[in-house]
Amino acid sequence: MKRVYSAENAFDAQIIRDHLEHHGIAAAVHGNMLTGAIGELPMDTRPSVWIEDPDLYERARDLIGRFENARADGKQWTCRHCGETNEPAFEICWACAADRET
């Protein structure tokens, strides 16, 4: 396994894990129960996302980067499949589950 993302909170870690899984990359969140120990443990206790296949590291980082850029641009997008309006953070249409790019 290889770490591809350190999150600020468990919610963000889960979103990234789900995004990678949607794109065919097996991933898991580690450390999401350690946030309560911040300041008590001498290590990084932020949740992190790990992928099972280290050969997919570059692809995973690219997907994460594109996801974060889409969140930052703040523009809603319209699904080309069903016509539904989606918030910028969604890479998958909430109504029909089509990819943003299709």
C-alpha atoms as a PDB file:
ATOM      1  CA  MET A   1       0.000   0.000   0.000  1.00  0.00           C
ATOM      2  CA  LYS A   2       1.067   3.558  -0.629  1.00  0.00           C
ATOM      3  CA  ARG A   3      -0.204   6.829   0.854  1.00  0.00           C
ATOM      4  CA  VAL A   4      -1.511   9.237  -1.778  1.00  0.00           C
ATOM      5  CA  TYR A   5      -3.324  11.853   0.312  1.00  0.00           C
ATOM      6  CA  SER A   6      -3.309  13.384   3.788  1.00  0.00           C
ATOM      7  CA  ALA A   7      -6.661  14.928   4.663  1.00  0.00           C
ATOM      8  CA  GLU A   8      -7.660  17.633   7.099  1.00  0.00           C
ATOM      9  CA  ASN A   9     -10.534  15.500   8.358  1.00  0.00           C
ATOM     10  CA  ALA A  10     -12.215  12.119   7.922  1.00  0.00           C
ATOM     11  CA  PHE A  11     -14.890  13.567   5.625  1.00  0.00           C
ATOM     12  CA  ASP A  12     -12.335  14.822   3.069  1.00  0.00           C
ATOM     13  CA  ALA A  13     -10.437  11.533   3.239  1.00  0.00           C
ATOM     14  CA  GLN A  14     -13.609   9.579   2.493  1.00  0.00           C
ATOM     15  CA  ILE A  15     -14.473  11.824  -0.462  1.00  0.00           C
ATOM     16  CA  ILE A  16     -11.026  11.248  -1.982  1.00  0.00           C
ATOM     17  CA  ARG A  17     -11.235   7.494  -1.341  1.00  0.00           C
ATOM     18  CA  ASP A  18     -14.649   7.353  -3.026  1.00  0.00           C
ATOM     19  CA  HIS A  19     -13.342   9.386  -5.973  1.00  0.00           C
ATOM     20  CA  LEU A  20     -10.422   7.002  -6.499  1.00  0.00           C
ATOM     21  CA  GLU A  21     -12.666   3.940  -6.138  1.00  0.00           C
ATOM     22  CA  HIS A  22     -15.045   5.380  -8.744  1.00  0.00           C
ATOM     23  CA  HIS A  23     -12.096   5.581 -11.144  1.00  0.00           C
ATOM     24  CA  GLY A  24     -11.077   1.982 -10.497  1.00  0.00           C
ATOM     25  CA  ILE A  25      -8.328   2.500  -7.940  1.00  0.00           C
ATOM     26  CA  ALA A  26      -8.744   0.422  -4.784  1.00  0.00           C
ATOM     27  CA  ALA A  27      -8.168   2.713  -1.802  1.00  0.00           C
ATOM     28  CA  ALA A  28      -8.644   2.827   1.961  1.00  0.00           C
ATOM     29  CA  VAL A  29      -8.751   5.507   4.643  1.00  0.00           C
ATOM     30  CA  HIS A  30      -6.339   5.076   7.538  1.00  0.00           C
ATOM     31  CA  GLY A  31      -6.149   7.018  10.776  1.00  0.00           C
ATOM     32  CA  ASN A  32      -9.645   8.481  10.752  1.00  0.00           C
ATOM     33  CA  MET A  33     -10.097   7.475  14.401  1.00  0.00           C
ATOM     34  CA  LEU A  34      -6.849   9.114  15.551  1.00  0.00           C
ATOM     35  CA  THR A  35      -7.923  12.757  15.236  1.00  0.00           C
ATOM     36  CA  GLY A  36      -9.056  12.753  18.860  1.00  0.00           C
ATOM     37  CA  ALA A  37      -5.480  12.029  19.879  1.00  0.00           C
ATOM     38  CA  ILE A  38      -3.982  15.144  18.295  1.00  0.00           C
ATOM     39  CA  GLY A  39      -1.409  16.506  20.717  1.00  0.00           C
ATOM     40  CA  GLU A  40      -1.276  13.261  22.658  1.00  0.00           C
ATOM     41  CA  LEU A  41       0.533  11.108  20.087  1.00  0.00           C
ATOM     42  CA  PRO A  42       3.968  11.997  18.665  1.00  0.00           C
ATOM     43  CA  MET A  43       2.931  11.418  15.025  1.00  0.00           C
ATOM     44  CA  ASP A  44       0.793  12.771  12.239  1.00  0.00           C
ATOM     45  CA  THR A  45      -2.740  11.848  13.250  1.00  0.00           C
ATOM     46  CA  ARG A  46      -4.560  13.224  10.233  1.00  0.00           C
ATOM     47  CA  PRO A  47      -6.609  10.757   8.188  1.00  0.00           C
ATOM     48  CA  SER A  48      -4.884   9.587   5.032  1.00  0.00           C
ATOM     49  CA  VAL A  49      -5.832   7.727   1.878  1.00  0.00           C
ATOM     50  CA  TRP A  50      -3.787   4.746   0.769  1.00  0.00           C
ATOM     51  CA  ILE A  51      -3.951   2.820  -2.494  1.00  0.00           C
ATOM     52  CA  GLU A  52      -3.430  -0.917  -2.747  1.00  0.00           C
ATOM     53  CA  ASP A  53      -1.419  -0.863  -5.988  1.00  0.00           C
ATOM     54  CA  PRO A  54       1.633   1.433  -5.742  1.00  0.00           C
ATOM     55  CA  ASP A  55       1.987   1.304  -9.541  1.00  0.00           C
ATOM     56  CA  LEU A  56      -1.163   3.458  -9.734  1.00  0.00           C
ATOM     57  CA  TYR A  57       0.351   6.226  -7.590  1.00  0.00           C
ATOM     58  CA  GLU A  58       0.814   8.752 -10.412  1.00  0.00           C
ATOM     59  CA  ARG A  59      -2.694   8.147 -11.782  1.00  0.00           C
ATOM     60  CA  ALA A  60      -4.173   8.510  -8.293  1.00  0.00           C
ATOM     61  CA  ARG A  61      -2.301  11.767  -7.655  1.00  0.00           C
ATOM     62  CA  ASP A  62      -3.471  13.104 -11.032  1.00  0.00           C
ATOM     63  CA  LEU A  63      -7.103  12.260 -10.210  1.00  0.00           C
ATOM     64  CA  ILE A  64      -6.778  13.901  -6.798  1.00  0.00           C
ATOM     65  CA  GLY A  65      -5.214  17.007  -8.317  1.00  0.00           C
ATOM     66  CA  ARG A  66      -7.969  17.379 -10.890  1.00  0.00           C
ATOM     67  CA  PHE A  67     -10.589  16.830  -8.171  1.00  0.00           C
ATOM     68  CA  GLU A  68      -9.070  19.533  -5.964  1.00  0.00           C
ATOM     69  CA  ASN A  69      -8.809  21.965  -8.888  1.00  0.00           C
ATOM     70  CA  ALA A  70     -12.480  21.414  -9.742  1.00  0.00           C
ATOM     71  CA  ARG A  71     -13.427  22.158  -6.124  1.00  0.00           C
ATOM     72  CA  ALA A  72     -11.328  25.316  -6.142  1.00  0.00           C
ATOM     73  CA  ASP A  73     -12.708  26.800  -9.368  1.00  0.00           C
ATOM     74  CA  GLY A  74     -16.133  27.210  -7.750  1.00  0.00           C
ATOM     75  CA  LYS A  75     -18.134  26.744 -10.956  1.00  0.00           C
ATOM     76  CA  GLN A  76     -21.217  24.594 -11.212  1.00  0.00           C
ATOM     77  CA  TRP A  77     -21.339  22.191 -14.143  1.00  0.00           C
ATOM     78  CA  THR A  78     -24.118  20.589 -16.141  1.00  0.00           C
ATOM     79  CA  CYS A  79     -24.180  16.846 -16.712  1.00  0.00           C
ATOM     80  CA  ARG A  80     -23.918  16.013 -20.407  1.00  0.00           C
ATOM     81  CA  HIS A  81     -25.884  12.823 -19.839  1.00  0.00           C
ATOM     82  CA  CYS A  82     -28.981  14.002 -17.928  1.00  0.00           C
ATOM     83  CA  GLY A  83     -28.727  17.813 -17.905  1.00  0.00           C
ATOM     84  CA  GLU A  84     -28.640  18.116 -14.086  1.00  0.00           C
ATOM     85  CA  THR A  85     -26.716  20.998 -12.488  1.00  0.00           C
ATOM     86  CA  ASN A  86     -23.970  19.862 -10.103  1.00  0.00           C
ATOM     87  CA  GLU A  87     -21.825  21.656  -7.550  1.00  0.00           C
ATOM     88  CA  PRO A  88     -18.115  22.128  -8.380  1.00  0.00           C
ATOM     89  CA  ALA A  89     -16.912  19.515  -5.882  1.00  0.00           C
ATOM     90  CA  PHE A  90     -18.845  16.739  -7.633  1.00  0.00           C
ATOM     91  CA  GLU A  91     -16.864  14.764 -10.202  1.00  0.00           C
ATOM     92  CA  ILE A  92     -19.856  12.473 -10.658  1.00  0.00           C
ATOM     93  CA  CYS A  93     -23.375  13.665 -11.391  1.00  0.00           C
ATOM     94  CA  TRP A  94     -25.453  13.328  -8.252  1.00  0.00           C
ATOM     95  CA  ALA A  95     -28.553  12.489 -10.294  1.00  0.00           C
ATOM     96  CA  CYS A  96     -27.318   9.850 -12.750  1.00  0.00           C
ATOM     97  CA  ALA A  97     -23.740   9.006 -11.616  1.00  0.00           C
ATOM     98  CA  ALA A  98     -22.207   9.919 -14.986  1.00  0.00           C
ATOM     99  CA  ASP A  99     -18.612  11.175 -14.927  1.00  0.00           C
ATOM    100  CA  ARG A 100     -18.087  14.918 -15.214  1.00  0.00           C
ATOM    101  CA  GLU A 101     -16.044  14.422 -18.389  1.00  0.00           C
ATOM    102  CA  THR A 102     -18.625  12.329 -20.257  1.00  0.00           C
END
